[in-house]
Amino acid sequence: MVQINREYKNLSELNIANFNHKRLPVKQFSEAEKRQIVFKDITTGEITHTTEMDTDFAANYQSVIGYFAQVIMKELRLVSGYDILYGQVKEFIQARLFTERVDLDDLNI
């Protein structure tokens, strides 16, 4: 019988400043583009589909960050630490993903 053990450091010790990634410029979207959600394949960059939101749609960055945190947890097979990971993902997007700090409440972001 083979037993696999995974050891994870404390998620609160994750230092997003140490990530080696290319920062993205902030792109300005038109009002029509702000009502679209474009889904791209992460490996190929190809657009898989686009969802058009109606004019009553209110963007909610918390749901998007929560989705990313859940996907990361699933991929790493983590069963706890969602609240810590959510905070780390939020800070990464807000302060490290783009060439400048962004306001997550801004619909353009």
PDB file of N, CA and C in Angstrom:
ATOM      1  N   MET A   1       0.841  -1.171   0.000  1.00  0.00           N
ATOM      2  CA  MET A   1       0.000   0.000   0.000  1.00  0.00           C
ATOM      3  C   MET A   1       0.891   1.241   0.000  1.00  0.00           C
ATOM      4  N   VAL A   2       0.601   2.165  -0.898  1.00  0.00           N
ATOM      5  CA  VAL A   2       1.351   3.409  -0.993  1.00  0.00           C
ATOM      6  C   VAL A   2       0.538   4.512  -0.338  1.00  0.00           C
ATOM      7  N   GLN A   3       1.181   5.260   0.519  1.00  0.00           N
ATOM      8  CA  GLN A   3       0.503   6.369   1.172  1.00  0.00           C
ATOM      9  C   GLN A   3       1.160   7.670   0.727  1.00  0.00           C
ATOM     10  N   ILE A   4       0.336   8.622   0.316  1.00  0.00           N
ATOM     11  CA  ILE A   4       0.838   9.915  -0.125  1.00  0.00           C
ATOM     12  C   ILE A   4       0.471  10.946   0.916  1.00  0.00           C
ATOM     13  N   ASN A   5       1.457  11.655   1.377  1.00  0.00           N
ATOM     14  CA  ASN A   5       1.228  12.723   2.350  1.00  0.00           C
ATOM     15  C   ASN A   5       1.551  14.058   1.700  1.00  0.00           C
ATOM     16  N   ARG A   6       0.704  15.014   1.899  1.00  0.00           N
ATOM     17  CA  ARG A   6       0.957  16.371   1.428  1.00  0.00           C
ATOM     18  C   ARG A   6       1.182  17.249   2.635  1.00  0.00           C
ATOM     19  N   GLU A   7       2.240  18.013   2.577  1.00  0.00           N
ATOM     20  CA  GLU A   7       2.508  18.944   3.655  1.00  0.00           C
ATOM     21  C   GLU A   7       2.394  20.351   3.095  1.00  0.00           C
ATOM     22  N   TYR A   8       1.576  21.148   3.733  1.00  0.00           N
ATOM     23  CA  TYR A   8       1.386  22.533   3.310  1.00  0.00           C
ATOM     24  C   TYR A   8       1.815  23.450   4.429  1.00  0.00           C
ATOM     25  N   LYS A   9       2.545  24.473   4.066  1.00  0.00           N
ATOM     26  CA  LYS A   9       2.882  25.496   5.045  1.00  0.00           C
ATOM     27  C   LYS A   9       1.629  26.294   5.345  1.00  0.00           C
ATOM     28  N   ASN A  10       1.701  27.054   6.351  1.00  0.00           N
ATOM     29  CA  ASN A  10       0.593  27.909   6.736  1.00  0.00           C
ATOM     30  C   ASN A  10       0.304  28.898   5.612  1.00  0.00           C
ATOM     31  N   LEU A  11      -0.926  28.944   5.110  1.00  0.00           N
ATOM     32  CA  LEU A  11      -1.285  29.841   4.013  1.00  0.00           C
ATOM     33  C   LEU A  11      -1.049  31.306   4.357  1.00  0.00           C
ATOM     34  N   SER A  12      -1.115  31.632   5.620  1.00  0.00           N
ATOM     35  CA  SER A  12      -0.896  33.024   6.012  1.00  0.00           C
ATOM     36  C   SER A  12       0.557  33.442   5.812  1.00  0.00           C
ATOM     37  N   GLU A  13       1.464  32.473   5.654  1.00  0.00           N
ATOM     38  CA  GLU A  13       2.875  32.769   5.408  1.00  0.00           C
ATOM     39  C   GLU A  13       3.187  32.935   3.920  1.00  0.00           C
ATOM     40  N   LEU A  14       2.200  32.723   3.061  1.00  0.00           N
ATOM     41  CA  LEU A  14       2.384  32.886   1.627  1.00  0.00           C
ATOM     42  C   LEU A  14       2.720  34.345   1.331  1.00  0.00           C
ATOM     43  N   ASN A  15       3.842  34.576   0.666  1.00  0.00           N
ATOM     44  CA  ASN A  15       4.281  35.938   0.377  1.00  0.00           C
ATOM     45  C   ASN A  15       4.080  36.224  -1.107  1.00  0.00           C
ATOM     46  N   ILE A  16       2.993  36.937  -1.440  1.00  0.00           N
ATOM     47  CA  ILE A  16       2.671  37.216  -2.841  1.00  0.00           C
ATOM     48  C   ILE A  16       3.690  38.136  -3.493  1.00  0.00           C
ATOM     49  N   ALA A  17       4.479  38.835  -2.706  1.00  0.00           N
ATOM     50  CA  ALA A  17       5.517  39.715  -3.260  1.00  0.00           C
ATOM     51  C   ALA A  17       6.636  38.904  -3.908  1.00  0.00           C
ATOM     52  N   ASN A  18       6.743  37.618  -3.567  1.00  0.00           N
ATOM     53  CA  ASN A  18       7.792  36.772  -4.119  1.00  0.00           C
ATOM     54  C   ASN A  18       7.396  36.088  -5.426  1.00  0.00           C
ATOM     55  N   PHE A  19       6.167  36.281  -5.878  1.00  0.00           N
ATOM     56  CA  PHE A  19       5.731  35.647  -7.122  1.00  0.00           C
ATOM     57  C   PHE A  19       6.501  36.255  -8.285  1.00  0.00           C
ATOM     58  N   ASN A  20       6.961  35.409  -9.169  1.00  0.00           N
ATOM     59  CA  ASN A  20       7.705  35.866 -10.341  1.00  0.00           C
ATOM     60  C   ASN A  20       6.757  35.805 -11.539  1.00  0.00           C
ATOM     61  N   HIS A  21       6.109  36.908 -11.827  1.00  0.00           N
ATOM     62  CA  HIS A  21       5.130  36.946 -12.910  1.00  0.00           C
ATOM     63  C   HIS A  21       5.218  38.282 -13.638  1.00  0.00           C
ATOM     64  N   LYS A  22       4.731  38.286 -14.845  1.00  0.00           N
ATOM     65  CA  LYS A  22       4.692  39.522 -15.624  1.00  0.00           C
ATOM     66  C   LYS A  22       3.430  40.285 -15.223  1.00  0.00           C
ATOM     67  N   ARG A  23       3.613  41.530 -14.822  1.00  0.00           N
ATOM     68  CA  ARG A  23       2.455  42.351 -14.454  1.00  0.00           C
ATOM     69  C   ARG A  23       1.740  42.823 -15.707  1.00  0.00           C
ATOM     70  N   LEU A  24       0.434  42.893 -15.618  1.00  0.00           N
ATOM     71  CA  LEU A  24      -0.399  43.262 -16.755  1.00  0.00           C
ATOM     72  C   LEU A  24      -0.750  44.743 -16.723  1.00  0.00           C
ATOM     73  N   PRO A  25      -0.794  45.375 -17.898  1.00  0.00           N
ATOM     74  CA  PRO A  25      -1.279  46.760 -17.918  1.00  0.00           C
ATOM     75  C   PRO A  25      -2.793  46.763 -17.713  1.00  0.00           C
ATOM     76  N   VAL A  26      -3.310  47.841 -17.152  1.00  0.00           N
ATOM     77  CA  VAL A  26      -4.755  47.969 -16.976  1.00  0.00           C
ATOM     78  C   VAL A  26      -5.341  48.409 -18.309  1.00  0.00           C
ATOM     79  N   LYS A  27      -6.250  47.620 -18.807  1.00  0.00           N
ATOM     80  CA  LYS A  27      -6.899  47.912 -20.088  1.00  0.00           C
ATOM     81  C   LYS A  27      -8.191  48.686 -19.828  1.00  0.00           C
ATOM     82  N   GLN A  28      -8.455  49.691 -20.650  1.00  0.00           N
ATOM     83  CA  GLN A  28      -9.697  50.452 -20.531  1.00  0.00           C
ATOM     84  C   GLN A  28     -10.760  49.815 -21.431  1.00  0.00           C
ATOM     85  N   PHE A  29     -11.914  49.519 -20.862  1.00  0.00           N
ATOM     86  CA  PHE A  29     -12.997  48.882 -21.588  1.00  0.00           C
ATOM     87  C   PHE A  29     -14.114  49.884 -21.864  1.00  0.00           C
ATOM     88  N   SER A  30     -14.808  49.686 -22.973  1.00  0.00           N
ATOM     89  CA  SER A  30     -15.969  50.515 -23.292  1.00  0.00           C
ATOM     90  C   SER A  30     -17.123  50.113 -22.373  1.00  0.00           C
ATOM     91  N   GLU A  31     -18.178  50.921 -22.351  1.00  0.00           N
ATOM     92  CA  GLU A  31     -19.346  50.588 -21.525  1.00  0.00           C
ATOM     93  C   GLU A  31     -19.946  49.245 -21.948  1.00  0.00           C
ATOM     94  N   ALA A  32     -19.985  48.979 -23.248  1.00  0.00           N
ATOM     95  CA  ALA A  32     -20.520  47.702 -23.743  1.00  0.00           C
ATOM     96  C   ALA A  32     -19.633  46.536 -23.296  1.00  0.00           C
ATOM     97  N   GLU A  33     -18.319  46.713 -23.354  1.00  0.00           N
ATOM     98  CA  GLU A  33     -17.393  45.659 -22.945  1.00  0.00           C
ATOM     99  C   GLU A  33     -17.481  45.382 -21.445  1.00  0.00           C
ATOM    100  N   LYS A  34     -17.829  46.386 -20.665  1.00  0.00           N
ATOM    101  CA  LYS A  34     -17.953  46.203 -19.218  1.00  0.00           C
ATOM    102  C   LYS A  34     -19.143  45.327 -18.860  1.00  0.00           C
ATOM    103  N   ARG A  35     -20.034  45.111 -19.790  1.00  0.00           N
ATOM    104  CA  ARG A  35     -21.210  44.257 -19.572  1.00  0.00           C
ATOM    105  C   ARG A  35     -20.993  42.843 -20.105  1.00  0.00           C
ATOM    106  N   GLN A  36     -19.763  42.533 -20.496  1.00  0.00           N
ATOM    107  CA  GLN A  36     -19.437  41.212 -21.010  1.00  0.00           C
ATOM    108  C   GLN A  36     -18.469  40.508 -20.065  1.00  0.00           C
ATOM    109  N   ILE A  37     -18.628  39.214 -19.971  1.00  0.00           N
ATOM    110  CA  ILE A  37     -17.630  38.392 -19.301  1.00  0.00           C
ATOM    111  C   ILE A  37     -17.077  37.469 -20.378  1.00  0.00           C
ATOM    112  N   VAL A  38     -15.795  37.609 -20.652  1.00  0.00           N
ATOM    113  CA  VAL A  38     -15.139  36.828 -21.696  1.00  0.00           C
ATOM    114  C   VAL A  38     -14.332  35.726 -21.027  1.00  0.00           C
ATOM    115  N   PHE A  39     -14.602  34.486 -21.414  1.00  0.00           N
ATOM    116  CA  PHE A  39     -13.912  33.332 -20.852  1.00  0.00           C
ATOM    117  C   PHE A  39     -12.853  32.870 -21.846  1.00  0.00           C
ATOM    118  N   LYS A  40     -11.604  32.770 -21.364  1.00  0.00           N
ATOM    119  CA  LYS A  40     -10.494  32.329 -22.202  1.00  0.00           C
ATOM    120  C   LYS A  40      -9.866  31.080 -21.604  1.00  0.00           C
ATOM    121  N   ASP A  41      -9.403  30.207 -22.491  1.00  0.00           N
ATOM    122  CA  ASP A  41      -8.659  29.030 -22.064  1.00  0.00           C
ATOM    123  C   ASP A  41      -7.328  29.514 -21.500  1.00  0.00           C
ATOM    124  N   ILE A  42      -7.010  29.112 -20.293  1.00  0.00           N
ATOM    125  CA  ILE A  42      -5.813  29.614 -19.625  1.00  0.00           C
ATOM    126  C   ILE A  42      -4.527  29.145 -20.303  1.00  0.00           C
ATOM    127  N   THR A  43      -4.578  28.026 -21.002  1.00  0.00           N
ATOM    128  CA  THR A  43      -3.365  27.507 -21.633  1.00  0.00           C
ATOM    129  C   THR A  43      -3.164  28.025 -23.048  1.00  0.00           C
ATOM    130  N   THR A  44      -4.260  28.269 -23.782  1.00  0.00           N
ATOM    131  CA  THR A  44      -4.129  28.694 -25.178  1.00  0.00           C
ATOM    132  C   THR A  44      -4.444  30.168 -25.386  1.00  0.00           C
ATOM    133  N   GLY A  45      -5.182  30.763 -24.452  1.00  0.00           N
ATOM    134  CA  GLY A  45      -5.580  32.153 -24.608  1.00  0.00           C
ATOM    135  C   GLY A  45      -6.781  32.329 -25.532  1.00  0.00           C
ATOM    136  N   GLU A  46      -7.293  31.234 -26.056  1.00  0.00           N
ATOM    137  CA  GLU A  46      -8.448  31.310 -26.962  1.00  0.00           C
ATOM    138  C   GLU A  46      -9.728  31.577 -26.185  1.00  0.00           C
ATOM    139  N   ILE A  47     -10.598  32.421 -26.762  1.00  0.00           N
ATOM    140  CA  ILE A  47     -11.890  32.711 -26.151  1.00  0.00           C
ATOM    141  C   ILE A  47     -12.788  31.492 -26.321  1.00  0.00           C
ATOM    142  N   THR A  48     -13.312  30.986 -25.206  1.00  0.00           N
ATOM    143  CA  THR A  48     -14.192  29.824 -25.263  1.00  0.00           C
ATOM    144  C   THR A  48     -15.655  30.225 -25.359  1.00  0.00           C
ATOM    145  N   HIS A  49     -16.022  31.313 -24.693  1.00  0.00           N
ATOM    146  CA  HIS A  49     -17.367  31.871 -24.828  1.00  0.00           C
ATOM    147  C   HIS A  49     -17.441  33.231 -24.140  1.00  0.00           C
ATOM    148  N   THR A  50     -18.509  33.958 -24.453  1.00  0.00           N
ATOM    149  CA  THR A  50     -18.732  35.284 -23.888  1.00  0.00           C
ATOM    150  C   THR A  50     -20.138  35.341 -23.328  1.00  0.00           C
ATOM    151  N   THR A  51     -20.276  35.916 -22.137  1.00  0.00           N
ATOM    152  CA  THR A  51     -21.582  36.090 -21.515  1.00  0.00           C
ATOM    153  C   THR A  51     -21.905  37.575 -21.487  1.00  0.00           C
ATOM    154  N   GLU A  52     -23.081  37.928 -21.990  1.00  0.00           N
ATOM    155  CA  GLU A  52     -23.552  39.319 -21.980  1.00  0.00           C
ATOM    156  C   GLU A  52     -24.444  39.524 -20.761  1.00  0.00           C
ATOM    157  N   MET A  53     -24.135  40.528 -19.961  1.00  0.00           N
ATOM    158  CA  MET A  53     -24.932  40.836 -18.785  1.00  0.00           C
ATOM    159  C   MET A  53     -25.938  41.930 -19.136  1.00  0.00           C
ATOM    160  N   ASP A  54     -27.111  41.874 -18.526  1.00  0.00           N
ATOM    161  CA  ASP A  54     -28.107  42.915 -18.817  1.00  0.00           C
ATOM    162  C   ASP A  54     -27.756  44.193 -18.049  1.00  0.00           C
ATOM    163  N   THR A  55     -28.477  45.249 -18.297  1.00  0.00           N
ATOM    164  CA  THR A  55     -28.150  46.552 -17.708  1.00  0.00           C
ATOM    165  C   THR A  55     -28.398  46.601 -16.200  1.00  0.00           C
ATOM    166  N   ASP A  56     -29.159  45.654 -15.662  1.00  0.00           N
ATOM    167  CA  ASP A  56     -29.412  45.604 -14.220  1.00  0.00           C
ATOM    168  C   ASP A  56     -28.306  44.896 -13.449  1.00  0.00           C
ATOM    169  N   PHE A  57     -27.342  44.338 -14.180  1.00  0.00           N
ATOM    170  CA  PHE A  57     -26.263  43.578 -13.560  1.00  0.00           C
ATOM    171  C   PHE A  57     -25.383  44.483 -12.702  1.00  0.00           C
ATOM    172  N   ALA A  58     -25.122  44.055 -11.484  1.00  0.00           N
ATOM    173  CA  ALA A  58     -24.203  44.772 -10.597  1.00  0.00           C
ATOM    174  C   ALA A  58     -22.990  43.878 -10.360  1.00  0.00           C
ATOM    175  N   ALA A  59     -21.842  44.334 -10.821  1.00  0.00           N
ATOM    176  CA  ALA A  59     -20.619  43.546 -10.690  1.00  0.00           C
ATOM    177  C   ALA A  59     -20.271  43.339  -9.218  1.00  0.00           C
ATOM    178  N   ASN A  60     -19.695  42.182  -8.920  1.00  0.00           N
ATOM    179  CA  ASN A  60     -19.354  41.836  -7.563  1.00  0.00           C
ATOM    180  C   ASN A  60     -17.978  41.173  -7.576  1.00  0.00           C
ATOM    181  N   TYR A  61     -16.949  41.942  -7.257  1.00  0.00           N
ATOM    182  CA  TYR A  61     -15.599  41.390  -7.306  1.00  0.00           C
ATOM    183  C   TYR A  61     -15.410  40.279  -6.274  1.00  0.00           C
ATOM    184  N   GLN A  62     -16.172  40.301  -5.183  1.00  0.00           N
ATOM    185  CA  GLN A  62     -16.041  39.281  -4.148  1.00  0.00           C
ATOM    186  C   GLN A  62     -16.326  37.884  -4.693  1.00  0.00           C
ATOM    187  N   SER A  63     -17.318  37.786  -5.578  1.00  0.00           N
ATOM    188  CA  SER A  63     -17.654  36.482  -6.165  1.00  0.00           C
ATOM    189  C   SER A  63     -16.531  35.970  -7.052  1.00  0.00           C
ATOM    190  N   VAL A  64     -15.920  36.864  -7.803  1.00  0.00           N
ATOM    191  CA  VAL A  64     -14.831  36.469  -8.702  1.00  0.00           C
ATOM    192  C   VAL A  64     -13.626  36.000  -7.894  1.00  0.00           C
ATOM    193  N   ILE A  65     -13.259  36.757  -6.870  1.00  0.00           N
ATOM    194  CA  ILE A  65     -12.122  36.373  -6.035  1.00  0.00           C
ATOM    195  C   ILE A  65     -12.426  35.065  -5.307  1.00  0.00           C
ATOM    196  N   GLY A  66     -13.650  34.915  -4.836  1.00  0.00           N
ATOM    197  CA  GLY A  66     -14.053  33.674  -4.188  1.00  0.00           C
ATOM    198  C   GLY A  66     -13.946  32.484  -5.124  1.00  0.00           C
ATOM    199  N   TYR A  67     -14.335  32.682  -6.383  1.00  0.00           N
ATOM    200  CA  TYR A  67     -14.226  31.614  -7.376  1.00  0.00           C
ATOM    201  C   TYR A  67     -12.765  31.211  -7.558  1.00  0.00           C
ATOM    202  N   PHE A  68     -11.882  32.195  -7.728  1.00  0.00           N
ATOM    203  CA  PHE A  68     -10.458  31.889  -7.903  1.00  0.00           C
ATOM    204  C   PHE A  68      -9.907  31.151  -6.681  1.00  0.00           C
ATOM    205  N   ALA A  69     -10.271  31.587  -5.489  1.00  0.00           N
ATOM    206  CA  ALA A  69      -9.799  30.934  -4.271  1.00  0.00           C
ATOM    207  C   ALA A  69     -10.286  29.483  -4.214  1.00  0.00           C
ATOM    208  N   GLN A  70     -11.531  29.247  -4.599  1.00  0.00           N
ATOM    209  CA  GLN A  70     -12.069  27.888  -4.596  1.00  0.00           C
ATOM    210  C   GLN A  70     -11.368  26.997  -5.618  1.00  0.00           C
ATOM    211  N   VAL A  71     -11.083  27.539  -6.797  1.00  0.00           N
ATOM    212  CA  VAL A  71     -10.380  26.762  -7.825  1.00  0.00           C
ATOM    213  C   VAL A  71      -8.981  26.391  -7.336  1.00  0.00           C
ATOM    214  N   ILE A  72      -8.280  27.339  -6.732  1.00  0.00           N
ATOM    215  CA  ILE A  72      -6.938  27.060  -6.200  1.00  0.00           C
ATOM    216  C   ILE A  72      -7.014  25.980  -5.132  1.00  0.00           C
ATOM    217  N   MET A  73      -7.982  26.090  -4.241  1.00  0.00           N
ATOM    218  CA  MET A  73      -8.136  25.084  -3.191  1.00  0.00           C
ATOM    219  C   MET A  73      -8.418  23.709  -3.780  1.00  0.00           C
ATOM    220  N   LYS A  74      -9.254  23.662  -4.791  1.00  0.00           N
ATOM    221  CA  LYS A  74      -9.579  22.383  -5.428  1.00  0.00           C
ATOM    222  C   LYS A  74      -8.350  21.786  -6.108  1.00  0.00           C
ATOM    223  N   GLU A  75      -7.621  22.614  -6.854  1.00  0.00           N
ATOM    224  CA  GLU A  75      -6.434  22.137  -7.557  1.00  0.00           C
ATOM    225  C   GLU A  75      -5.366  21.624  -6.588  1.00  0.00           C
ATOM    226  N   LEU A  76      -5.230  22.272  -5.436  1.00  0.00           N
ATOM    227  CA  LEU A  76      -4.227  21.876  -4.447  1.00  0.00           C
ATOM    228  C   LEU A  76      -4.769  20.873  -3.427  1.00  0.00           C
ATOM    229  N   ARG A  77      -6.043  20.533  -3.576  1.00  0.00           N
ATOM    230  CA  ARG A  77      -6.720  19.598  -2.682  1.00  0.00           C
ATOM    231  C   ARG A  77      -6.659  20.056  -1.221  1.00  0.00           C
ATOM    232  N   LEU A  78      -6.899  21.349  -1.043  1.00  0.00           N
ATOM    233  CA  LEU A  78      -6.948  21.912   0.308  1.00  0.00           C
ATOM    234  C   LEU A  78      -8.363  21.799   0.840  1.00  0.00           C
ATOM    235  N   VAL A  79      -8.500  21.505   2.108  1.00  0.00           N
ATOM    236  CA  VAL A  79      -9.832  21.375   2.700  1.00  0.00           C
ATOM    237  C   VAL A  79     -10.160  22.511   3.656  1.00  0.00           C
ATOM    238  N   SER A  80      -9.171  23.336   3.962  1.00  0.00           N
ATOM    239  CA  SER A  80      -9.418  24.466   4.859  1.00  0.00           C
ATOM    240  C   SER A  80      -8.526  25.639   4.457  1.00  0.00           C
ATOM    241  N   GLY A  81      -8.800  26.781   5.044  1.00  0.00           N
ATOM    242  CA  GLY A  81      -7.993  27.962   4.790  1.00  0.00           C
ATOM    243  C   GLY A  81      -8.577  28.899   3.755  1.00  0.00           C
ATOM    244  N   TYR A  82      -9.863  28.710   3.411  1.00  0.00           N
ATOM    245  CA  TYR A  82     -10.485  29.551   2.373  1.00  0.00           C
ATOM    246  C   TYR A  82     -10.373  31.033   2.708  1.00  0.00           C
ATOM    247  N   ASP A  83     -10.662  31.409   3.941  1.00  0.00           N
ATOM    248  CA  ASP A  83     -10.653  32.827   4.298  1.00  0.00           C
ATOM    249  C   ASP A  83      -9.268  33.446   4.136  1.00  0.00           C
ATOM    250  N   ILE A  84      -8.225  32.707   4.489  1.00  0.00           N
ATOM    251  CA  ILE A  84      -6.854  33.208   4.331  1.00  0.00           C
ATOM    252  C   ILE A  84      -6.493  33.291   2.856  1.00  0.00           C
ATOM    253  N   LEU A  85      -6.813  32.245   2.099  1.00  0.00           N
ATOM    254  CA  LEU A  85      -6.496  32.231   0.671  1.00  0.00           C
ATOM    255  C   LEU A  85      -7.262  33.322  -0.065  1.00  0.00           C
ATOM    256  N   TYR A  86      -8.513  33.533   0.302  1.00  0.00           N
ATOM    257  CA  TYR A  86      -9.315  34.602  -0.300  1.00  0.00           C
ATOM    258  C   TYR A  86      -8.599  35.943  -0.122  1.00  0.00           C
ATOM    259  N   GLY A  87      -8.122  36.219   1.071  1.00  0.00           N
ATOM    260  CA  GLY A  87      -7.414  37.471   1.335  1.00  0.00           C
ATOM    261  C   GLY A  87      -6.138  37.590   0.522  1.00  0.00           C
ATOM    262  N   GLN A  88      -5.421  36.489   0.376  1.00  0.00           N
ATOM    263  CA  GLN A  88      -4.179  36.501  -0.404  1.00  0.00           C
ATOM    264  C   GLN A  88      -4.474  36.745  -1.890  1.00  0.00           C
ATOM    265  N   VAL A  89      -5.502  36.092  -2.421  1.00  0.00           N
ATOM    266  CA  VAL A  89      -5.877  36.283  -3.832  1.00  0.00           C
ATOM    267  C   VAL A  89      -6.325  37.728  -4.050  1.00  0.00           C
ATOM    268  N   LYS A  90      -7.121  38.253  -3.137  1.00  0.00           N
ATOM    269  CA  LYS A  90      -7.593  39.632  -3.252  1.00  0.00           C
ATOM    270  C   LYS A  90      -6.421  40.607  -3.282  1.00  0.00           C
ATOM    271  N   GLU A  91      -5.498  40.446  -2.365  1.00  0.00           N
ATOM    272  CA  GLU A  91      -4.335  41.342  -2.308  1.00  0.00           C
ATOM    273  C   GLU A  91      -3.476  41.204  -3.565  1.00  0.00           C
ATOM    274  N   PHE A  92      -3.317  39.972  -4.060  1.00  0.00           N
ATOM    275  CA  PHE A  92      -2.533  39.754  -5.280  1.00  0.00           C
ATOM    276  C   PHE A  92      -3.153  40.504  -6.458  1.00  0.00           C
ATOM    277  N   ILE A  93      -4.456  40.360  -6.639  1.00  0.00           N
ATOM    278  CA  ILE A  93      -5.132  41.026  -7.759  1.00  0.00           C
ATOM    279  C   ILE A  93      -5.061  42.543  -7.589  1.00  0.00           C
ATOM    280  N   GLN A  94      -5.303  43.005  -6.395  1.00  0.00           N
ATOM    281  CA  GLN A  94      -5.359  44.441  -6.122  1.00  0.00           C
ATOM    282  C   GLN A  94      -3.986  45.114  -6.237  1.00  0.00           C
ATOM    283  N   ALA A  95      -2.947  44.461  -5.772  1.00  0.00           N
ATOM    284  CA  ALA A  95      -1.652  45.129  -5.638  1.00  0.00           C
ATOM    285  C   ALA A  95      -0.524  44.566  -6.501  1.00  0.00           C
ATOM    286  N   ARG A  96      -0.654  43.334  -7.009  1.00  0.00           N
ATOM    287  CA  ARG A  96       0.487  42.705  -7.666  1.00  0.00           C
ATOM    288  C   ARG A  96       0.229  42.230  -9.097  1.00  0.00           C
ATOM    289  N   LEU A  97      -1.020  42.024  -9.482  1.00  0.00           N
ATOM    290  CA  LEU A  97      -1.314  41.471 -10.806  1.00  0.00           C
ATOM    291  C   LEU A  97      -1.081  42.489 -11.913  1.00  0.00           C
ATOM    292  N   PHE A  98      -1.403  43.733 -11.647  1.00  0.00           N
ATOM    293  CA  PHE A  98      -1.318  44.789 -12.659  1.00  0.00           C
ATOM    294  C   PHE A  98      -0.104  45.686 -12.407  1.00  0.00           C
ATOM    295  N   THR A  99       0.213  46.515 -13.383  1.00  0.00           N
ATOM    296  CA  THR A  99       1.363  47.418 -13.272  1.00  0.00           C
ATOM    297  C   THR A  99       1.124  48.519 -12.258  1.00  0.00           C
ATOM    298  N   GLU A 100      -0.103  48.654 -11.804  1.00  0.00           N
ATOM    299  CA  GLU A 100      -0.449  49.654 -10.793  1.00  0.00           C
ATOM    300  C   GLU A 100      -1.483  49.053  -9.850  1.00  0.00           C
ATOM    301  N   ARG A 101      -1.577  49.593  -8.647  1.00  0.00           N
ATOM    302  CA  ARG A 101      -2.598  49.146  -7.686  1.00  0.00           C
ATOM    303  C   ARG A 101      -3.970  49.503  -8.253  1.00  0.00           C
ATOM    304  N   VAL A 102      -4.931  48.610  -8.118  1.00  0.00           N
ATOM    305  CA  VAL A 102      -6.250  48.829  -8.698  1.00  0.00           C
ATOM    306  C   VAL A 102      -7.332  48.860  -7.637  1.00  0.00           C
ATOM    307  N   ASP A 103      -8.432  49.526  -7.972  1.00  0.00           N
ATOM    308  CA  ASP A 103      -9.622  49.596  -7.134  1.00  0.00           C
ATOM    309  C   ASP A 103     -10.570  48.508  -7.598  1.00  0.00           C
ATOM    310  N   LEU A 104     -10.783  47.505  -6.792  1.00  0.00           N
ATOM    311  CA  LEU A 104     -11.609  46.365  -7.192  1.00  0.00           C
ATOM    312  C   LEU A 104     -13.080  46.741  -7.362  1.00  0.00           C
ATOM    313  N   ASP A 105     -13.502  47.854  -6.820  1.00  0.00           N
ATOM    314  CA  ASP A 105     -14.878  48.297  -7.002  1.00  0.00           C
ATOM    315  C   ASP A 105     -15.092  48.971  -8.359  1.00  0.00           C
ATOM    316  N   ASP A 106     -14.010  49.289  -9.063  1.00  0.00           N
ATOM    317  CA  ASP A 106     -14.081  49.907 -10.376  1.00  0.00           C
ATOM    318  C   ASP A 106     -14.532  48.861 -11.394  1.00  0.00           C
ATOM    319  N   LEU A 107     -15.662  49.088 -12.045  1.00  0.00           N
ATOM    320  CA  LEU A 107     -16.210  48.143 -13.013  1.00  0.00           C
ATOM    321  C   LEU A 107     -15.224  47.837 -14.136  1.00  0.00           C
ATOM    322  N   ASN A 108     -14.362  48.764 -14.455  1.00  0.00           N
ATOM    323  CA  ASN A 108     -13.376  48.533 -15.513  1.00  0.00           C
ATOM    324  C   ASN A 108     -12.389  47.429 -15.125  1.00  0.00           C
ATOM    325  N   ILE A 109     -12.094  47.318 -13.851  1.00  0.00           N
ATOM    326  CA  ILE A 109     -11.172  46.294 -13.374  1.00  0.00           C
ATOM    327  C   ILE A 109     -11.849  44.942 -13.391  1.00  0.00           C
TER     328      ILE A 109
END
